[in-house]
């Protein structure tokens, strides 16, 4: 990824200057979360699931507590 990760007015993270075509929600947990519970969700604009995961990893590393980890990724359909 060449650009910096930025956030738009709707709270979605994306790579500045990148190809953002799809919206993904990244569901994050801490080790003490029960099944079906999530501690945090991150909205990401990306071109693929892998790109969304990479953006979310960088956002978690920079902005959140270190115990959070990615548990689930869902694609959000919108117009």
N, C-alpha and C. Protein backbone atom coordinates (compact mmCIF):
# COMPACT_ATOMS: atom_id res chain seq x y z
N UNK A 1 0.85 -1.17 0.00
CA UNK A 1 0.00 0.00 0.00
C UNK A 1 0.89 1.24 0.00
N UNK A 2 0.59 2.10 -0.90
CA UNK A 2 1.47 3.25 -1.08
C UNK A 2 1.07 4.46 -0.24
N UNK A 3 -0.22 4.72 -0.10
CA UNK A 3 -0.66 5.91 0.59
C UNK A 3 -0.88 5.69 2.07
N UNK A 4 -1.13 6.80 2.74
CA UNK A 4 -1.42 6.75 4.17
C UNK A 4 -2.87 6.35 4.38
N UNK A 5 -3.15 5.78 5.53
CA UNK A 5 -4.53 5.41 5.87
C UNK A 5 -5.20 6.63 6.47
N UNK A 6 -6.34 7.01 5.88
CA UNK A 6 -7.09 8.18 6.33
C UNK A 6 -8.51 7.76 6.65
N UNK A 7 -9.26 8.67 7.24
CA UNK A 7 -10.64 8.41 7.66
C UNK A 7 -11.53 9.48 7.05
N UNK A 8 -12.66 9.07 6.47
CA UNK A 8 -13.58 10.05 5.88
C UNK A 8 -14.58 10.55 6.91
N UNK A 9 -15.51 11.41 6.49
CA UNK A 9 -16.45 12.02 7.42
C UNK A 9 -17.45 11.01 7.98
N UNK A 10 -17.54 9.83 7.40
CA UNK A 10 -18.45 8.80 7.89
C UNK A 10 -17.74 7.78 8.78
N UNK A 11 -16.45 7.97 9.05
CA UNK A 11 -15.71 7.09 9.93
C UNK A 11 -15.11 5.88 9.25
N UNK A 12 -15.15 5.85 7.92
CA UNK A 12 -14.58 4.71 7.18
C UNK A 12 -13.10 4.96 6.90
N UNK A 13 -12.29 3.95 7.13
CA UNK A 13 -10.86 4.04 6.87
C UNK A 13 -10.56 3.56 5.46
N UNK A 14 -9.58 4.17 4.80
CA UNK A 14 -9.18 3.76 3.47
C UNK A 14 -7.77 4.26 3.18
N UNK A 15 -7.18 3.72 2.13
CA UNK A 15 -5.84 4.15 1.73
C UNK A 15 -5.99 5.37 0.84
N UNK A 16 -5.33 6.46 1.21
CA UNK A 16 -5.39 7.70 0.43
C UNK A 16 -4.79 7.45 -0.95
N UNK A 17 -5.57 7.73 -1.97
CA UNK A 17 -5.10 7.53 -3.34
C UNK A 17 -5.26 6.11 -3.83
N UNK A 18 -5.80 5.24 -3.02
CA UNK A 18 -5.98 3.83 -3.39
C UNK A 18 -7.30 3.60 -4.12
N UNK A 19 -7.53 2.38 -4.49
CA UNK A 19 -8.75 1.99 -5.19
C UNK A 19 -9.75 1.43 -4.18
N UNK A 20 -10.69 2.25 -3.72
CA UNK A 20 -11.69 1.83 -2.76
C UNK A 20 -12.98 1.55 -3.50
N UNK A 21 -13.39 0.31 -3.58
CA UNK A 21 -14.61 -0.03 -4.30
C UNK A 21 -15.65 -0.70 -3.41
N UNK A 22 -15.23 -1.32 -2.34
CA UNK A 22 -16.15 -2.09 -1.52
C UNK A 22 -16.02 -1.67 -0.06
N UNK A 23 -17.14 -1.78 0.66
CA UNK A 23 -17.16 -1.45 2.09
C UNK A 23 -17.17 -2.75 2.89
N UNK A 24 -16.26 -2.84 3.85
CA UNK A 24 -16.17 -3.99 4.72
C UNK A 24 -16.30 -3.54 6.17
N UNK A 25 -16.91 -4.38 7.01
CA UNK A 25 -16.91 -4.16 8.44
C UNK A 25 -16.01 -5.21 9.05
N UNK A 26 -15.04 -4.75 9.81
CA UNK A 26 -14.08 -5.62 10.49
C UNK A 26 -14.54 -5.74 11.94
N UNK A 27 -14.86 -6.93 12.38
CA UNK A 27 -15.33 -7.19 13.74
C UNK A 27 -14.14 -7.64 14.57
N UNK A 28 -13.89 -6.96 15.67
CA UNK A 28 -12.72 -7.22 16.51
C UNK A 28 -13.14 -7.69 17.90
N UNK A 29 -12.30 -8.54 18.49
CA UNK A 29 -12.55 -9.09 19.82
C UNK A 29 -11.33 -8.89 20.70
N UNK A 30 -11.58 -9.04 22.00
CA UNK A 30 -10.50 -9.18 22.97
C UNK A 30 -10.54 -10.62 23.46
N UNK A 31 -9.50 -11.11 24.09
CA UNK A 31 -9.50 -12.50 24.54
C UNK A 31 -10.63 -12.87 25.50
N UNK A 32 -11.19 -11.90 26.22
CA UNK A 32 -12.25 -12.22 27.17
C UNK A 32 -13.66 -12.13 26.58
N UNK A 33 -13.80 -11.85 25.30
CA UNK A 33 -15.12 -11.80 24.66
C UNK A 33 -15.68 -13.21 24.52
N UNK A 34 -16.99 -13.31 24.71
CA UNK A 34 -17.67 -14.59 24.55
C UNK A 34 -18.03 -14.79 23.08
N UNK A 35 -18.52 -15.97 22.78
CA UNK A 35 -18.93 -16.27 21.42
C UNK A 35 -20.06 -15.33 20.99
N UNK A 36 -19.92 -14.74 19.82
CA UNK A 36 -20.92 -13.82 19.31
C UNK A 36 -20.78 -12.40 19.81
N UNK A 37 -19.86 -12.13 20.71
CA UNK A 37 -19.61 -10.78 21.22
C UNK A 37 -18.42 -10.17 20.49
N UNK A 38 -18.51 -8.89 20.21
CA UNK A 38 -17.41 -8.17 19.58
C UNK A 38 -17.17 -6.89 20.36
N UNK A 39 -15.91 -6.55 20.54
CA UNK A 39 -15.55 -5.36 21.31
C UNK A 39 -15.57 -4.10 20.46
N UNK A 40 -15.25 -4.25 19.19
CA UNK A 40 -15.09 -3.07 18.33
C UNK A 40 -15.40 -3.46 16.90
N UNK A 41 -15.87 -2.49 16.13
CA UNK A 41 -16.04 -2.71 14.70
C UNK A 41 -15.39 -1.54 13.96
N UNK A 42 -14.76 -1.87 12.85
CA UNK A 42 -14.06 -0.88 12.05
C UNK A 42 -14.60 -0.97 10.63
N UNK A 43 -15.03 0.15 10.07
CA UNK A 43 -15.49 0.18 8.68
C UNK A 43 -14.32 0.57 7.79
N UNK A 44 -14.15 -0.20 6.71
CA UNK A 44 -13.00 -0.02 5.82
C UNK A 44 -13.48 -0.04 4.38
N UNK A 45 -12.98 0.90 3.58
CA UNK A 45 -13.18 0.89 2.14
C UNK A 45 -11.93 0.29 1.51
N UNK A 46 -12.10 -0.77 0.70
CA UNK A 46 -10.95 -1.44 0.11
C UNK A 46 -11.37 -2.14 -1.17
N UNK A 47 -10.38 -2.64 -1.88
CA UNK A 47 -10.66 -3.33 -3.14
C UNK A 47 -10.88 -4.83 -2.95
N UNK A 48 -10.45 -5.39 -1.80
CA UNK A 48 -10.59 -6.82 -1.55
C UNK A 48 -10.60 -7.08 -0.05
N UNK A 49 -10.91 -8.32 0.31
CA UNK A 49 -10.92 -8.72 1.72
C UNK A 49 -9.51 -8.61 2.30
N UNK A 50 -8.51 -9.03 1.54
CA UNK A 50 -7.12 -8.97 2.02
C UNK A 50 -6.66 -7.54 2.26
N UNK A 51 -7.03 -6.64 1.35
CA UNK A 51 -6.67 -5.23 1.52
C UNK A 51 -7.38 -4.64 2.74
N UNK A 52 -8.64 -5.03 2.94
CA UNK A 52 -9.40 -4.56 4.11
C UNK A 52 -8.75 -5.05 5.40
N UNK A 53 -8.30 -6.31 5.41
CA UNK A 53 -7.64 -6.87 6.59
C UNK A 53 -6.34 -6.10 6.88
N UNK A 54 -5.57 -5.80 5.86
CA UNK A 54 -4.31 -5.07 6.06
C UNK A 54 -4.56 -3.66 6.61
N UNK A 55 -5.56 -2.99 6.08
CA UNK A 55 -5.90 -1.65 6.58
C UNK A 55 -6.33 -1.74 8.04
N UNK A 56 -7.18 -2.71 8.36
CA UNK A 56 -7.67 -2.87 9.73
C UNK A 56 -6.52 -3.19 10.70
N UNK A 57 -5.58 -4.02 10.27
CA UNK A 57 -4.43 -4.33 11.13
C UNK A 57 -3.64 -3.07 11.46
N UNK A 58 -3.44 -2.21 10.46
CA UNK A 58 -2.70 -0.98 10.70
C UNK A 58 -3.48 -0.02 11.60
N UNK A 59 -4.79 0.04 11.42
CA UNK A 59 -5.63 0.91 12.26
C UNK A 59 -5.62 0.40 13.70
N UNK A 60 -5.75 -0.92 13.88
CA UNK A 60 -5.71 -1.48 15.24
C UNK A 60 -4.38 -1.20 15.92
N UNK A 61 -3.31 -1.36 15.18
CA UNK A 61 -1.97 -1.14 15.73
C UNK A 61 -1.77 0.31 16.15
N UNK A 62 -2.32 1.24 15.38
CA UNK A 62 -2.10 2.67 15.64
C UNK A 62 -3.09 3.28 16.63
N UNK A 63 -4.35 2.83 16.59
CA UNK A 63 -5.41 3.56 17.31
C UNK A 63 -6.09 2.82 18.44
N UNK A 64 -5.89 1.53 18.58
CA UNK A 64 -6.66 0.75 19.54
C UNK A 64 -5.76 0.03 20.53
N UNK A 65 -6.38 -0.63 21.50
CA UNK A 65 -5.61 -1.38 22.49
C UNK A 65 -4.99 -2.62 21.85
N UNK A 66 -3.82 -3.02 22.29
CA UNK A 66 -3.11 -4.13 21.64
C UNK A 66 -3.80 -5.49 21.74
N UNK A 67 -4.70 -5.68 22.69
CA UNK A 67 -5.35 -6.97 22.86
C UNK A 67 -6.39 -7.26 21.78
N UNK A 68 -6.85 -6.22 21.07
CA UNK A 68 -7.86 -6.45 20.04
C UNK A 68 -7.27 -7.23 18.88
N UNK A 69 -8.08 -8.15 18.35
CA UNK A 69 -7.67 -8.88 17.15
C UNK A 69 -8.87 -9.02 16.23
N UNK A 70 -8.59 -9.22 14.96
CA UNK A 70 -9.64 -9.34 13.95
C UNK A 70 -10.28 -10.72 14.07
N UNK A 71 -11.59 -10.73 14.20
CA UNK A 71 -12.31 -11.99 14.34
C UNK A 71 -13.11 -12.34 13.09
N UNK A 72 -13.67 -11.33 12.46
CA UNK A 72 -14.57 -11.58 11.34
C UNK A 72 -14.57 -10.38 10.41
N UNK A 73 -14.73 -10.65 9.11
CA UNK A 73 -14.83 -9.58 8.12
C UNK A 73 -16.09 -9.83 7.31
N UNK A 74 -16.93 -8.79 7.20
CA UNK A 74 -18.13 -8.91 6.39
C UNK A 74 -18.16 -7.79 5.37
N UNK A 75 -18.65 -8.12 4.19
CA UNK A 75 -18.80 -7.11 3.15
C UNK A 75 -20.17 -6.47 3.31
N UNK A 76 -20.22 -5.15 3.25
CA UNK A 76 -21.47 -4.39 3.39
C UNK A 76 -21.90 -3.94 1.99
N UNK A 77 -23.11 -4.28 1.62
CA UNK A 77 -23.62 -3.90 0.30
C UNK A 77 -24.31 -2.56 0.42
N UNK A 78 -23.91 -1.63 -0.40
CA UNK A 78 -24.50 -0.30 -0.41
C UNK A 78 -24.45 0.25 -1.83
N UNK A 79 -25.17 1.34 -2.09
CA UNK A 79 -25.15 1.96 -3.43
C UNK A 79 -24.16 3.07 -3.48
